[in-house]
Amino acid sequence: MPEKRVRERARKARRAGKAPSSQAGEFVREEFRKIRRGEHGARSARQAVAIGLSKARRAGVPLRPPAKGKAKARTRKSARYAYEAGQHKRKTTRRPRVARAVSRVLKREPRRSASHRAISRQARRAAGRRSAAARSAAARKAVRTKGSAGRSAAARKGARTRARRKSS
């Protein structure tokens, strides 16, 4: 069960007009925190992200399941179930035995999957799979929801990065 403050932050992001993936980011961050605290582990950073996204969908974040060809059929089916559960389109039945089995398995997984290095590697890999156009479109949308103070801070940061790259 996601913490109350995580659900609140996601709701705040939704009110601010952020994308569903940004709203879901809160749940993913919570998952990394849980792994670092040692509540459970994950096989990889990718699995930790997947658990967070699933929890977000079940909590009602309108994050659509991946399209055909983007993920394997089993993942898509699981994502569709979670999405429908969160949108109240599907009745969920509690399965204590399955839940216990899953948490027992996760407890045996490594904790290094939530390390800075693992997360960085996963983020770079994910970004590399996206086209320049898709990244640019995401940046344009971010500008629309950032607000004037956030925009000028981002501009300063960009200028600083460019200056540093030029000098080295």
Protein backbone atom coordinates (compact mmCIF):
# COMPACT_ATOMS: atom_id res chain seq x y z
CA MET A 1 0.00 0.00 0.00
CA PRO A 2 1.55 3.34 -1.04
CA GLU A 3 2.06 5.86 1.74
CA LYS A 4 -0.49 8.63 2.12
CA ARG A 5 2.04 11.38 1.36
CA VAL A 6 2.99 9.64 -1.90
CA ARG A 7 -0.65 9.60 -3.03
CA GLU A 8 -0.97 13.25 -1.99
CA ARG A 9 2.09 14.27 -4.02
CA ALA A 10 0.80 12.41 -7.07
CA ARG A 11 -2.56 14.19 -6.69
CA LYS A 12 -0.75 17.53 -6.46
CA ALA A 13 1.17 16.74 -9.67
CA ARG A 14 -2.11 15.90 -11.38
CA ARG A 15 -3.64 19.23 -10.31
CA ALA A 16 -0.54 21.01 -11.66
CA GLY A 17 -1.27 19.46 -15.08
CA LYS A 18 1.76 17.17 -15.09
CA ALA A 19 1.80 14.09 -17.34
CA PRO A 20 0.62 10.74 -15.91
CA SER A 21 4.21 9.46 -16.04
CA SER A 22 5.30 12.40 -13.83
CA GLN A 23 2.49 11.61 -11.40
CA ALA A 24 3.63 7.98 -11.35
CA GLY A 25 7.20 9.12 -10.61
CA GLU A 26 6.26 9.58 -6.95
CA PHE A 27 5.34 5.90 -6.64
CA VAL A 28 8.58 4.84 -8.37
CA ARG A 29 10.61 7.01 -5.98
CA GLU A 30 8.80 5.43 -3.04
CA GLU A 31 9.74 1.98 -4.35
CA PHE A 32 13.42 2.94 -4.49
CA ARG A 33 13.17 4.27 -0.92
CA LYS A 34 11.67 0.96 0.25
CA ILE A 35 14.48 -1.01 -1.36
CA ARG A 36 17.13 1.25 0.18
CA ARG A 37 15.53 0.89 3.60
CA GLY A 38 15.72 -2.88 3.11
CA GLU A 39 11.99 -3.63 3.15
CA HIS A 40 12.48 -5.74 0.03
CA GLY A 41 14.78 -5.98 -2.97
CA ALA A 42 14.45 -6.10 -6.75
CA ARG A 43 16.14 -8.04 -9.52
CA SER A 44 17.02 -4.80 -11.32
CA ALA A 45 16.29 -1.07 -11.33
CA ARG A 46 13.89 -1.82 -14.17
CA GLN A 47 11.87 -4.16 -11.97
CA ALA A 48 11.75 -1.54 -9.21
CA VAL A 49 10.38 0.98 -11.72
CA ALA A 50 7.81 -1.58 -12.92
CA ILE A 51 6.57 -2.20 -9.36
CA GLY A 52 6.21 1.55 -8.82
CA LEU A 53 4.28 2.03 -12.08
CA SER A 54 1.96 -0.84 -11.21
CA LYS A 55 1.21 0.70 -7.80
CA ALA A 56 0.58 4.05 -9.48
CA ARG A 57 -1.91 2.52 -11.91
CA ARG A 58 -3.72 0.72 -9.08
CA ALA A 59 -3.87 3.98 -7.12
CA GLY A 60 -5.73 5.65 -9.99
CA VAL A 61 -2.99 7.48 -11.90
CA PRO A 62 -4.26 7.56 -15.51
CA LEU A 63 -1.08 5.97 -16.89
CA ARG A 64 -2.03 3.98 -19.98
CA PRO A 65 -0.63 0.45 -20.41
CA PRO A 66 2.15 0.13 -23.04
CA ALA A 67 1.06 -0.21 -26.67
CA LYS A 68 1.46 -3.42 -28.67
CA GLY A 69 5.10 -4.01 -29.55
CA LYS A 70 6.38 -1.74 -26.77
CA ALA A 71 6.41 -4.46 -24.10
CA LYS A 72 5.81 -8.20 -23.93
CA ALA A 73 2.21 -9.44 -23.86
CA ARG A 74 2.37 -10.52 -20.21
CA THR A 75 3.57 -7.09 -19.09
CA ARG A 76 0.87 -5.38 -21.14
CA LYS A 77 -1.82 -7.62 -19.69
CA SER A 78 -0.61 -6.98 -16.13
CA ALA A 79 -0.49 -3.22 -16.78
CA ARG A 80 -3.99 -3.31 -18.27
CA TYR A 81 -5.34 -5.09 -15.18
CA ALA A 82 -3.67 -2.58 -12.84
CA TYR A 83 -4.95 0.34 -14.92
CA GLU A 84 -8.53 -0.99 -14.96
CA ALA A 85 -8.41 -1.63 -11.21
CA GLY A 86 -7.32 1.98 -10.62
CA GLN A 87 -10.03 3.34 -12.91
CA HIS A 88 -12.68 1.22 -11.11
CA LYS A 89 -13.37 -0.79 -14.28
CA ARG A 90 -12.40 -4.06 -12.62
CA LYS A 91 -13.16 -5.65 -9.27
CA THR A 92 -9.99 -6.77 -7.53
CA THR A 93 -9.96 -9.91 -5.42
CA ARG A 94 -7.52 -10.15 -2.53
CA ARG A 95 -5.10 -13.06 -2.89
CA PRO A 96 -3.19 -13.29 0.40
CA ARG A 97 -1.26 -16.41 -0.59
CA VAL A 98 -0.01 -14.88 -3.82
CA ALA A 99 0.81 -11.59 -2.06
CA ARG A 100 2.83 -13.45 0.60
CA ALA A 101 4.68 -15.47 -2.03
CA VAL A 102 5.57 -12.33 -4.01
CA SER A 103 6.84 -10.44 -0.95
CA ARG A 104 8.87 -13.47 0.14
CA VAL A 105 10.51 -13.67 -3.29
CA LEU A 106 11.23 -9.91 -3.33
CA LYS A 107 12.86 -10.10 0.09
CA ARG A 108 15.50 -12.41 -1.37
CA GLU A 109 16.38 -10.06 -4.23
CA PRO A 110 19.43 -7.74 -4.05
CA ARG A 111 19.24 -4.19 -2.70
CA ARG A 112 21.85 -2.78 -5.07
CA SER A 113 19.14 -2.39 -7.74
CA ALA A 114 18.21 0.91 -6.03
CA SER A 115 21.77 2.28 -5.95
CA HIS A 116 22.53 5.59 -7.66
CA ARG A 117 24.61 3.73 -10.22
CA ALA A 118 21.86 1.24 -11.10
CA ILE A 119 19.21 3.96 -11.41
CA SER A 120 21.50 6.12 -13.54
CA ARG A 121 22.27 3.20 -15.84
CA GLN A 122 18.56 2.42 -16.22
CA ALA A 123 17.66 6.08 -16.89
CA ARG A 124 20.33 6.44 -19.57
CA ARG A 125 19.23 3.21 -21.23
CA ALA A 126 15.59 4.32 -21.22
CA ALA A 127 16.47 7.77 -22.62
CA GLY A 128 18.61 6.17 -25.32
CA ARG A 129 15.61 4.21 -26.58
CA ARG A 130 13.64 7.41 -27.17
CA SER A 131 13.99 9.50 -30.32
CA ALA A 132 15.34 13.05 -30.21
CA ALA A 133 11.88 14.26 -31.29
CA ALA A 134 10.21 12.49 -28.36
CA ARG A 135 12.71 13.94 -25.89
CA SER A 136 12.23 17.40 -27.36
CA ALA A 137 8.42 17.11 -27.16
CA ALA A 138 8.69 16.09 -23.49
CA ALA A 139 10.90 19.11 -22.79
CA ARG A 140 8.40 21.41 -24.53
CA LYS A 141 5.55 20.02 -22.43
CA ALA A 142 7.65 20.44 -19.25
CA VAL A 143 8.13 24.12 -20.12
CA ARG A 144 4.34 24.56 -20.29
CA THR A 145 3.79 23.17 -16.79
CA LYS A 146 6.89 24.60 -15.12
CA GLY A 147 5.85 28.19 -14.40
CA SER A 148 7.98 31.32 -14.80
CA ALA A 149 10.25 30.81 -11.76
CA GLY A 150 10.96 27.21 -12.71
CA ARG A 151 11.61 28.21 -16.32
CA SER A 152 14.19 30.85 -15.45
CA ALA A 153 15.90 28.44 -13.02
CA ALA A 154 16.08 25.82 -15.79
CA ALA A 155 17.46 28.44 -18.21
CA ARG A 156 20.18 29.41 -15.71
CA LYS A 157 21.06 25.77 -15.21
CA GLY A 158 21.26 25.21 -18.98
CA ALA A 159 23.49 28.27 -19.44
CA ARG A 160 25.78 27.07 -16.65
CA THR A 161 26.04 23.60 -18.24
CA ARG A 162 26.81 25.08 -21.68
CA ALA A 163 29.50 27.34 -20.18
CA ARG A 164 31.09 24.39 -18.39
CA ARG A 165 31.07 22.26 -21.56
CA LYS A 166 32.64 25.10 -23.56
CA SER A 167 35.48 25.64 -21.09
CA SER A 168 36.50 21.97 -20.87
